[in-house]
Amino acid sequence: MTDKEKRCQEEKLKKLIADLRNRLRKGSFPLNHIFNMLPGNRAILKKIRALESATLSDKAPKEKTLSALWQIYGMAPPAIYYLAPDDYGLDLLKKWIEILYGRKTLDELDLDRRIEQIAEGYARAHRNNEGIRFVFGPPVETLINQLSTELPPYEEDGAG
């Protein structure tokens, strides 16, 4: 990877982190409430500060897929998914795709329809299998895993 590609990659990751920080500051992301509800608030804040001060190249995933990126910068731990409205994860994913792959790719993927289909599939599995309890992860994670196999590695695309 050339120095120019590395700088471009770091700029894309900086945009993603800046977006998340802005959501936190504006209160449009419910982490403020979660900090008050979860034990170990200081540990969480300490991790956030460590992430903010870490260089992006230290935290950049080696595999350039949405799934690998989500594992580092997504909405983990899973408890956050169940405390946040469903659209927060999807909104964040949409911003990432627009930055990394461009607006045209985002529009072509039709993420709203796809997330609905995943949720409907979960509901259908429960309806069709009485007496069996399924535990599914958040629909947005299923979508991210699907997209990671469909889309090329994001640094090669150069969109955004």
N, C-alpha and C. Protein backbone atom coordinates (compact mmCIF):
# COMPACT_ATOMS: atom_id res chain seq x y z
N MET A 1 0.85 -1.17 0.00
CA MET A 1 0.00 0.00 0.00
C MET A 1 0.91 1.24 0.00
N THR A 2 0.61 2.17 -0.87
CA THR A 2 1.42 3.38 -0.96
C THR A 2 1.07 4.34 0.18
N ASP A 3 1.94 5.34 0.37
CA ASP A 3 1.68 6.34 1.42
C ASP A 3 0.39 7.10 1.14
N LYS A 4 0.13 7.37 -0.14
CA LYS A 4 -1.10 8.09 -0.49
C LYS A 4 -2.33 7.26 -0.12
N GLU A 5 -2.29 5.95 -0.40
CA GLU A 5 -3.41 5.07 -0.06
C GLU A 5 -3.60 4.99 1.45
N LYS A 6 -2.49 4.95 2.19
CA LYS A 6 -2.57 4.91 3.66
C LYS A 6 -3.22 6.19 4.19
N ARG A 7 -2.80 7.34 3.64
CA ARG A 7 -3.39 8.61 4.09
C ARG A 7 -4.87 8.67 3.75
N CYS A 8 -5.24 8.19 2.58
CA CYS A 8 -6.65 8.16 2.17
C CYS A 8 -7.44 7.27 3.11
N GLN A 9 -6.89 6.11 3.43
CA GLN A 9 -7.55 5.18 4.34
C GLN A 9 -7.73 5.81 5.72
N GLU A 10 -6.69 6.46 6.22
CA GLU A 10 -6.78 7.09 7.53
C GLU A 10 -7.81 8.21 7.54
N GLU A 11 -7.91 8.95 6.44
CA GLU A 11 -8.91 10.02 6.35
C GLU A 11 -10.32 9.45 6.40
N LYS A 12 -10.55 8.33 5.72
CA LYS A 12 -11.87 7.70 5.74
C LYS A 12 -12.22 7.25 7.15
N LEU A 13 -11.26 6.64 7.83
CA LEU A 13 -11.53 6.19 9.20
C LEU A 13 -11.75 7.38 10.14
N LYS A 14 -11.02 8.46 9.93
CA LYS A 14 -11.22 9.66 10.75
C LYS A 14 -12.65 10.19 10.58
N LYS A 15 -13.17 10.17 9.34
CA LYS A 15 -14.54 10.63 9.10
C LYS A 15 -15.55 9.77 9.86
N LEU A 16 -15.32 8.47 9.85
CA LEU A 16 -16.24 7.56 10.54
C LEU A 16 -16.23 7.82 12.05
N ILE A 17 -15.05 7.99 12.61
CA ILE A 17 -14.94 8.25 14.05
C ILE A 17 -15.54 9.61 14.39
N ALA A 18 -15.29 10.60 13.54
CA ALA A 18 -15.86 11.93 13.77
C ALA A 18 -17.38 11.89 13.76
N ASP A 19 -17.96 11.11 12.85
CA ASP A 19 -19.41 10.97 12.80
C ASP A 19 -19.95 10.39 14.11
N LEU A 20 -19.30 9.35 14.61
CA LEU A 20 -19.74 8.74 15.87
C LEU A 20 -19.60 9.73 17.02
N ARG A 21 -18.49 10.47 17.07
CA ARG A 21 -18.31 11.47 18.13
C ARG A 21 -19.41 12.54 18.08
N ASN A 22 -19.74 12.99 16.86
CA ASN A 22 -20.78 14.01 16.72
C ASN A 22 -22.12 13.49 17.21
N ARG A 23 -22.44 12.25 16.92
CA ARG A 23 -23.69 11.67 17.41
C ARG A 23 -23.70 11.64 18.93
N LEU A 24 -22.57 11.32 19.51
CA LEU A 24 -22.49 11.27 20.98
C LEU A 24 -22.68 12.65 21.58
N ARG A 25 -22.01 13.63 20.99
CA ARG A 25 -22.08 15.01 21.53
C ARG A 25 -23.48 15.62 21.38
N LYS A 26 -24.13 15.32 20.25
CA LYS A 26 -25.46 15.88 20.00
C LYS A 26 -26.55 15.16 20.79
N GLY A 27 -26.20 14.04 21.36
CA GLY A 27 -27.20 13.29 22.10
C GLY A 27 -28.13 12.49 21.21
N SER A 28 -27.78 12.38 19.92
CA SER A 28 -28.63 11.60 19.03
C SER A 28 -28.28 10.12 19.08
N PHE A 29 -27.39 9.78 19.95
CA PHE A 29 -27.02 8.38 20.18
C PHE A 29 -27.16 8.15 21.67
N PRO A 30 -27.86 7.12 22.10
CA PRO A 30 -28.23 6.99 23.51
C PRO A 30 -27.11 6.51 24.45
N LEU A 31 -25.86 6.68 24.06
CA LEU A 31 -24.79 6.20 24.94
C LEU A 31 -24.75 6.95 26.27
N ASN A 32 -25.17 8.20 26.29
CA ASN A 32 -25.18 8.93 27.55
C ASN A 32 -26.02 8.21 28.59
N HIS A 33 -27.16 7.70 28.17
CA HIS A 33 -28.04 6.96 29.09
C HIS A 33 -27.42 5.62 29.45
N ILE A 34 -26.79 5.00 28.49
CA ILE A 34 -26.19 3.69 28.73
C ILE A 34 -25.07 3.81 29.75
N PHE A 35 -24.28 4.86 29.67
CA PHE A 35 -23.20 5.04 30.64
C PHE A 35 -23.74 5.09 32.06
N ASN A 36 -24.90 5.72 32.23
CA ASN A 36 -25.48 5.82 33.56
C ASN A 36 -26.10 4.51 34.03
N MET A 37 -26.47 3.64 33.09
CA MET A 37 -27.14 2.40 33.45
C MET A 37 -26.16 1.24 33.67
N LEU A 38 -25.05 1.27 32.96
CA LEU A 38 -24.12 0.15 33.04
C LEU A 38 -23.13 0.30 34.19
N PRO A 39 -22.77 -0.81 34.84
CA PRO A 39 -21.71 -0.73 35.83
C PRO A 39 -20.38 -0.52 35.10
N GLY A 40 -19.45 0.09 35.76
CA GLY A 40 -18.13 0.28 35.15
C GLY A 40 -18.08 1.43 34.17
N ASN A 41 -18.83 2.50 34.44
CA ASN A 41 -18.84 3.66 33.55
C ASN A 41 -17.44 4.16 33.26
N ARG A 42 -16.63 4.22 34.27
CA ARG A 42 -15.28 4.77 34.09
C ARG A 42 -14.46 3.92 33.14
N ALA A 43 -14.65 2.61 33.20
CA ALA A 43 -13.91 1.72 32.30
C ALA A 43 -14.31 1.98 30.85
N ILE A 44 -15.59 2.20 30.63
CA ILE A 44 -16.07 2.47 29.26
C ILE A 44 -15.51 3.80 28.77
N LEU A 45 -15.59 4.82 29.62
CA LEU A 45 -15.07 6.13 29.22
C LEU A 45 -13.57 6.06 28.98
N LYS A 46 -12.88 5.26 29.76
CA LYS A 46 -11.44 5.09 29.59
C LYS A 46 -11.13 4.46 28.23
N LYS A 47 -11.94 3.48 27.84
CA LYS A 47 -11.76 2.85 26.53
C LYS A 47 -12.00 3.84 25.40
N ILE A 48 -13.04 4.67 25.55
CA ILE A 48 -13.33 5.68 24.53
C ILE A 48 -12.18 6.65 24.40
N ARG A 49 -11.65 7.10 25.51
CA ARG A 49 -10.50 8.03 25.47
C ARG A 49 -9.28 7.37 24.85
N ALA A 50 -9.08 6.09 25.15
CA ALA A 50 -7.95 5.37 24.55
C ALA A 50 -8.12 5.26 23.04
N LEU A 51 -9.36 5.01 22.60
CA LEU A 51 -9.62 4.94 21.16
C LEU A 51 -9.37 6.29 20.49
N GLU A 52 -9.80 7.36 21.16
CA GLU A 52 -9.62 8.69 20.59
C GLU A 52 -8.15 9.05 20.46
N SER A 53 -7.34 8.61 21.41
CA SER A 53 -5.93 8.98 21.38
C SER A 53 -5.08 8.01 20.57
N ALA A 54 -5.62 6.84 20.23
CA ALA A 54 -4.86 5.86 19.45
C ALA A 54 -4.73 6.35 18.01
N THR A 55 -3.64 6.01 17.40
CA THR A 55 -3.49 6.36 16.00
C THR A 55 -4.38 5.42 15.20
N LEU A 56 -4.91 5.93 14.12
CA LEU A 56 -5.83 5.14 13.33
C LEU A 56 -5.16 3.91 12.72
N SER A 57 -3.90 4.03 12.37
CA SER A 57 -3.24 2.87 11.76
C SER A 57 -3.12 1.74 12.76
N ASP A 58 -3.08 2.06 14.08
CA ASP A 58 -3.04 1.01 15.10
C ASP A 58 -4.37 0.28 15.17
N LYS A 59 -5.45 0.96 14.86
CA LYS A 59 -6.79 0.39 15.01
C LYS A 59 -7.42 -0.01 13.68
N ALA A 60 -6.75 0.22 12.58
CA ALA A 60 -7.33 -0.14 11.28
C ALA A 60 -7.33 -1.66 11.13
N PRO A 61 -8.47 -2.23 10.73
CA PRO A 61 -8.50 -3.68 10.56
C PRO A 61 -7.64 -4.11 9.37
N LYS A 62 -7.02 -5.26 9.50
CA LYS A 62 -6.19 -5.78 8.41
C LYS A 62 -7.07 -6.19 7.22
N GLU A 63 -8.22 -6.77 7.51
CA GLU A 63 -9.18 -7.14 6.47
C GLU A 63 -10.08 -5.93 6.23
N LYS A 64 -10.12 -5.43 5.02
CA LYS A 64 -10.84 -4.20 4.71
C LYS A 64 -12.29 -4.47 4.33
N THR A 65 -13.04 -5.06 5.29
CA THR A 65 -14.47 -5.32 5.08
C THR A 65 -15.27 -4.55 6.11
N LEU A 66 -16.55 -4.38 5.84
CA LEU A 66 -17.42 -3.71 6.80
C LEU A 66 -17.48 -4.49 8.11
N SER A 67 -17.48 -5.81 8.02
CA SER A 67 -17.56 -6.65 9.21
C SER A 67 -16.35 -6.44 10.12
N ALA A 68 -15.16 -6.41 9.54
CA ALA A 68 -13.94 -6.20 10.33
C ALA A 68 -13.94 -4.79 10.93
N LEU A 69 -14.39 -3.82 10.16
CA LEU A 69 -14.45 -2.44 10.66
C LEU A 69 -15.46 -2.32 11.79
N TRP A 70 -16.61 -2.99 11.64
CA TRP A 70 -17.68 -2.95 12.65
C TRP A 70 -17.20 -3.55 13.98
N GLN A 71 -16.39 -4.59 13.91
CA GLN A 71 -15.88 -5.21 15.13
C GLN A 71 -15.05 -4.24 15.95
N ILE A 72 -14.38 -3.30 15.28
CA ILE A 72 -13.54 -2.34 16.00
C ILE A 72 -14.32 -1.08 16.35
N TYR A 73 -15.07 -0.52 15.39
CA TYR A 73 -15.72 0.78 15.60
C TYR A 73 -17.24 0.75 15.63
N GLY A 74 -17.83 -0.43 15.54
CA GLY A 74 -19.29 -0.53 15.49
C GLY A 74 -19.93 -0.31 16.84
N MET A 75 -21.12 -0.83 17.02
CA MET A 75 -21.91 -0.55 18.21
C MET A 75 -21.77 -1.63 19.28
N ALA A 76 -20.61 -2.25 19.39
CA ALA A 76 -20.39 -3.24 20.45
C ALA A 76 -20.25 -2.51 21.78
N PRO A 77 -20.53 -3.06 22.91
CA PRO A 77 -20.93 -4.44 23.16
C PRO A 77 -22.39 -4.67 22.75
N PRO A 78 -22.77 -5.93 22.56
CA PRO A 78 -24.12 -6.23 22.08
C PRO A 78 -25.24 -5.64 22.93
N ALA A 79 -25.01 -5.42 24.21
CA ALA A 79 -26.07 -4.85 25.06
C ALA A 79 -26.55 -3.51 24.52
N ILE A 80 -25.67 -2.77 23.87
CA ILE A 80 -26.04 -1.46 23.34
C ILE A 80 -27.13 -1.60 22.29
N TYR A 81 -27.09 -2.68 21.49
CA TYR A 81 -28.10 -2.88 20.46
C TYR A 81 -29.51 -2.91 21.04
N TYR A 82 -29.64 -3.52 22.17
CA TYR A 82 -30.97 -3.72 22.74
C TYR A 82 -31.46 -2.51 23.50
N LEU A 83 -30.57 -1.58 23.79
CA LEU A 83 -30.96 -0.35 24.47
C LEU A 83 -31.16 0.79 23.48
N ALA A 84 -30.60 0.67 22.30
CA ALA A 84 -30.70 1.71 21.28
C ALA A 84 -31.81 1.35 20.29
N PRO A 85 -32.47 2.36 19.76
CA PRO A 85 -33.47 2.07 18.71
C PRO A 85 -32.79 1.37 17.53
N ASP A 86 -33.55 0.54 16.82
CA ASP A 86 -32.99 -0.25 15.72
C ASP A 86 -32.30 0.58 14.65
N ASP A 87 -32.80 1.79 14.41
CA ASP A 87 -32.27 2.56 13.30
C ASP A 87 -30.89 3.15 13.56
N TYR A 88 -30.39 3.16 14.80
CA TYR A 88 -29.06 3.73 15.05
C TYR A 88 -27.98 2.93 14.35
N GLY A 89 -28.02 1.62 14.45
CA GLY A 89 -27.02 0.80 13.77
C GLY A 89 -27.11 0.94 12.27
N LEU A 90 -28.33 0.96 11.74
CA LEU A 90 -28.53 1.09 10.31
C LEU A 90 -28.07 2.47 9.82
N ASP A 91 -28.38 3.51 10.57
CA ASP A 91 -27.93 4.85 10.19
C ASP A 91 -26.41 4.94 10.13
N LEU A 92 -25.76 4.36 11.12
CA LEU A 92 -24.31 4.36 11.16
C LEU A 92 -23.75 3.58 9.97
N LEU A 93 -24.31 2.42 9.68
CA LEU A 93 -23.87 1.62 8.54
C LEU A 93 -24.04 2.39 7.23
N LYS A 94 -25.15 3.08 7.07
CA LYS A 94 -25.38 3.86 5.84
C LYS A 94 -24.31 4.94 5.67
N LYS A 95 -23.98 5.61 6.76
CA LYS A 95 -22.94 6.65 6.66
C LYS A 95 -21.60 6.03 6.25
N TRP A 96 -21.27 4.91 6.85
CA TRP A 96 -20.02 4.25 6.53
C TRP A 96 -19.97 3.86 5.05
N ILE A 97 -21.05 3.28 4.55
CA ILE A 97 -21.07 2.84 3.14
C ILE A 97 -20.95 4.04 2.21
N GLU A 98 -21.64 5.12 2.55
CA GLU A 98 -21.55 6.32 1.72
C GLU A 98 -20.12 6.86 1.69
N ILE A 99 -19.45 6.87 2.82
CA ILE A 99 -18.07 7.36 2.90
C ILE A 99 -17.11 6.42 2.17
N LEU A 100 -17.26 5.14 2.40
CA LEU A 100 -16.29 4.17 1.87
C LEU A 100 -16.54 3.76 0.42
N TYR A 101 -17.81 3.72 0.00
CA TYR A 101 -18.14 3.20 -1.33
C TYR A 101 -18.86 4.22 -2.22
N GLY A 102 -19.35 5.28 -1.65
CA GLY A 102 -20.02 6.30 -2.44
C GLY A 102 -21.54 6.21 -2.36
N ARG A 103 -22.18 7.30 -2.72
CA ARG A 103 -23.64 7.41 -2.64
C ARG A 103 -24.34 6.44 -3.58
N LYS A 104 -23.79 6.25 -4.77
CA LYS A 104 -24.42 5.37 -5.75
C LYS A 104 -24.52 3.94 -5.20
N THR A 105 -23.45 3.45 -4.62
CA THR A 105 -23.47 2.10 -4.04
C THR A 105 -24.47 2.01 -2.91
N LEU A 106 -24.51 3.03 -2.06
CA LEU A 106 -25.47 3.05 -0.96
C LEU A 106 -26.89 2.95 -1.48
N ASP A 107 -27.22 3.73 -2.49
CA ASP A 107 -28.57 3.70 -3.05
C ASP A 107 -28.90 2.34 -3.68
N GLU A 108 -27.93 1.76 -4.38
CA GLU A 108 -28.16 0.47 -5.05
C GLU A 108 -28.38 -0.67 -4.05
N LEU A 109 -27.78 -0.58 -2.87
CA LEU A 109 -27.88 -1.67 -1.89
C LEU A 109 -29.26 -1.77 -1.25
N ASP A 110 -30.03 -0.68 -1.24
CA ASP A 110 -31.39 -0.67 -0.68
C ASP A 110 -31.42 -1.31 0.71
N LEU A 111 -30.66 -0.73 1.63
CA LEU A 111 -30.47 -1.31 2.96
C LEU A 111 -31.76 -1.39 3.77
N ASP A 112 -32.65 -0.43 3.61
CA ASP A 112 -33.91 -0.47 4.37
C ASP A 112 -34.72 -1.73 4.03
N ARG A 113 -34.82 -2.03 2.76
CA ARG A 113 -35.55 -3.22 2.33
C ARG A 113 -34.86 -4.48 2.85
N ARG A 114 -33.55 -4.50 2.75
CA ARG A 114 -32.81 -5.70 3.16
C ARG A 114 -32.90 -5.94 4.67
N ILE A 115 -32.88 -4.89 5.46
CA ILE A 115 -32.96 -5.07 6.92
C ILE A 115 -34.36 -5.56 7.29
N GLU A 116 -35.38 -5.07 6.57
CA GLU A 116 -36.75 -5.56 6.79
C GLU A 116 -36.86 -7.04 6.47
N GLN A 117 -36.25 -7.47 5.38
CA GLN A 117 -36.28 -8.87 4.99
C GLN A 117 -35.61 -9.75 6.05
N ILE A 118 -34.51 -9.28 6.61
CA ILE A 118 -33.81 -10.05 7.65
C ILE A 118 -34.70 -10.18 8.88
N ALA A 119 -35.30 -9.06 9.30
CA ALA A 119 -36.18 -9.08 10.47
C ALA A 119 -37.39 -9.99 10.23
N GLU A 120 -37.94 -9.94 9.02
CA GLU A 120 -39.07 -10.82 8.67
C GLU A 120 -38.65 -12.29 8.71
N GLY A 121 -37.44 -12.57 8.27
CA GLY A 121 -36.92 -13.94 8.31
C GLY A 121 -36.81 -14.45 9.74
N TYR A 122 -36.36 -13.58 10.63
CA TYR A 122 -36.28 -13.94 12.06
C TYR A 122 -37.68 -14.27 12.59
N ALA A 123 -38.64 -13.39 12.27
CA ALA A 123 -40.01 -13.60 12.76
C ALA A 123 -40.62 -14.88 12.17
N ARG A 124 -40.36 -15.13 10.90
CA ARG A 124 -40.88 -16.34 10.25
C ARG A 124 -40.29 -17.60 10.90
N ALA A 125 -39.03 -17.57 11.25
CA ALA A 125 -38.40 -18.73 11.90
C ALA A 125 -39.08 -19.02 13.22
N HIS A 126 -39.45 -17.98 13.97
CA HIS A 126 -40.14 -18.17 15.25
C HIS A 126 -41.56 -18.71 15.04
N ARG A 127 -42.27 -18.16 14.05
CA ARG A 127 -43.65 -18.60 13.77
C ARG A 127 -43.70 -20.05 13.31
N ASN A 128 -42.78 -20.42 12.47
CA ASN A 128 -42.82 -21.75 11.84
C ASN A 128 -42.23 -22.86 12.71
N ASN A 129 -41.69 -22.53 13.82
CA ASN A 129 -41.03 -23.54 14.66
C ASN A 129 -41.49 -23.40 16.10
N GLU A 130 -42.74 -23.66 16.34
CA GLU A 130 -43.29 -23.55 17.69
C GLU A 130 -42.54 -24.47 18.64
N GLY A 131 -42.27 -23.99 19.82
CA GLY A 131 -41.58 -24.79 20.82
C GLY A 131 -40.06 -24.69 20.72
N ILE A 132 -39.56 -24.13 19.63
CA ILE A 132 -38.12 -23.95 19.48
C ILE A 132 -37.81 -22.47 19.64
N ARG A 133 -36.86 -22.19 20.47
CA ARG A 133 -36.48 -20.78 20.70
C ARG A 133 -35.19 -20.48 19.94
N PHE A 134 -35.26 -19.50 19.07
CA PHE A 134 -34.09 -19.05 18.32
C PHE A 134 -33.58 -17.77 18.95
N VAL A 135 -32.29 -17.62 18.99
CA VAL A 135 -31.69 -16.37 19.44
C VAL A 135 -30.87 -15.82 18.28
N PHE A 136 -31.34 -14.73 17.72
CA PHE A 136 -30.65 -14.10 16.60
C PHE A 136 -29.94 -12.86 17.09
N GLY A 137 -28.86 -12.53 16.43
CA GLY A 137 -28.19 -11.27 16.72
C GLY A 137 -28.97 -10.13 16.08
N PRO A 138 -28.54 -8.92 16.29
CA PRO A 138 -29.22 -7.78 15.68
C PRO A 138 -29.24 -7.90 14.14
N PRO A 139 -30.36 -7.55 13.51
CA PRO A 139 -30.43 -7.63 12.05
C PRO A 139 -29.31 -6.86 11.34
N VAL A 140 -28.89 -5.75 11.92
CA VAL A 140 -27.84 -4.97 11.26
C VAL A 140 -26.53 -5.76 11.18
N GLU A 141 -26.25 -6.61 12.15
CA GLU A 141 -25.03 -7.42 12.08
C GLU A 141 -25.14 -8.47 10.97
N THR A 142 -26.30 -9.06 10.82
CA THR A 142 -26.50 -10.02 9.73
C THR A 142 -26.30 -9.32 8.39
N LEU A 143 -26.84 -8.11 8.27
CA LEU A 143 -26.69 -7.33 7.04
C LEU A 143 -25.22 -7.00 6.79
N ILE A 144 -24.51 -6.60 7.81
CA ILE A 144 -23.09 -6.26 7.66
C ILE A 144 -22.30 -7.48 7.17
N ASN A 145 -22.59 -8.64 7.73
CA ASN A 145 -21.91 -9.86 7.30
C ASN A 145 -22.21 -10.17 5.83
N GLN A 146 -23.46 -9.96 5.41
CA GLN A 146 -23.81 -10.18 4.01
C GLN A 146 -23.06 -9.21 3.10
N LEU A 147 -23.06 -7.94 3.50
CA LEU A 147 -22.40 -6.92 2.68
C LEU A 147 -20.90 -7.14 2.59
N SER A 148 -20.32 -7.68 3.65
CA SER A 148 -18.87 -7.92 3.65
C SER A 148 -18.46 -8.95 2.61
N THR A 149 -19.37 -9.85 2.27
CA THR A 149 -19.06 -10.83 1.23
C THR A 149 -19.42 -10.30 -0.16
N GLU A 150 -20.34 -9.34 -0.23
CA GLU A 150 -20.78 -8.81 -1.52
C GLU A 150 -19.90 -7.67 -2.04
N LEU A 151 -19.45 -6.83 -1.14
CA LEU A 151 -18.71 -5.64 -1.54
C LEU A 151 -17.20 -5.92 -1.59
N PRO A 152 -16.48 -5.22 -2.47
CA PRO A 152 -15.04 -5.39 -2.51
C PRO A 152 -14.41 -4.75 -1.27
N PRO A 153 -13.15 -5.08 -0.97
CA PRO A 153 -12.48 -4.40 0.15
C PRO A 153 -12.56 -2.89 -0.05
N TYR A 154 -12.86 -2.15 1.01
CA TYR A 154 -13.17 -0.73 0.84
C TYR A 154 -11.99 0.11 0.42
N GLU A 155 -10.78 -0.23 0.72
CA GLU A 155 -9.67 0.65 0.34
C GLU A 155 -9.39 0.59 -1.16
N GLU A 156 -9.78 -0.50 -1.83
CA GLU A 156 -9.54 -0.61 -3.27
C GLU A 156 -10.55 0.17 -4.08
N ASP A 157 -11.74 0.41 -3.52
CA ASP A 157 -12.80 1.08 -4.26
C ASP A 157 -12.45 2.56 -4.51
N GLY A 158 -11.94 3.21 -3.49
CA GLY A 158 -11.55 4.60 -3.62
C GLY A 158 -12.71 5.58 -3.65
N ALA A 159 -13.93 5.14 -3.48
CA ALA A 159 -15.08 6.06 -3.47
C ALA A 159 -15.10 6.83 -2.18
N GLY A 160 -15.86 7.93 -2.15
CA GLY A 160 -16.03 8.67 -0.92
C GLY A 160 -15.11 9.75 -0.86
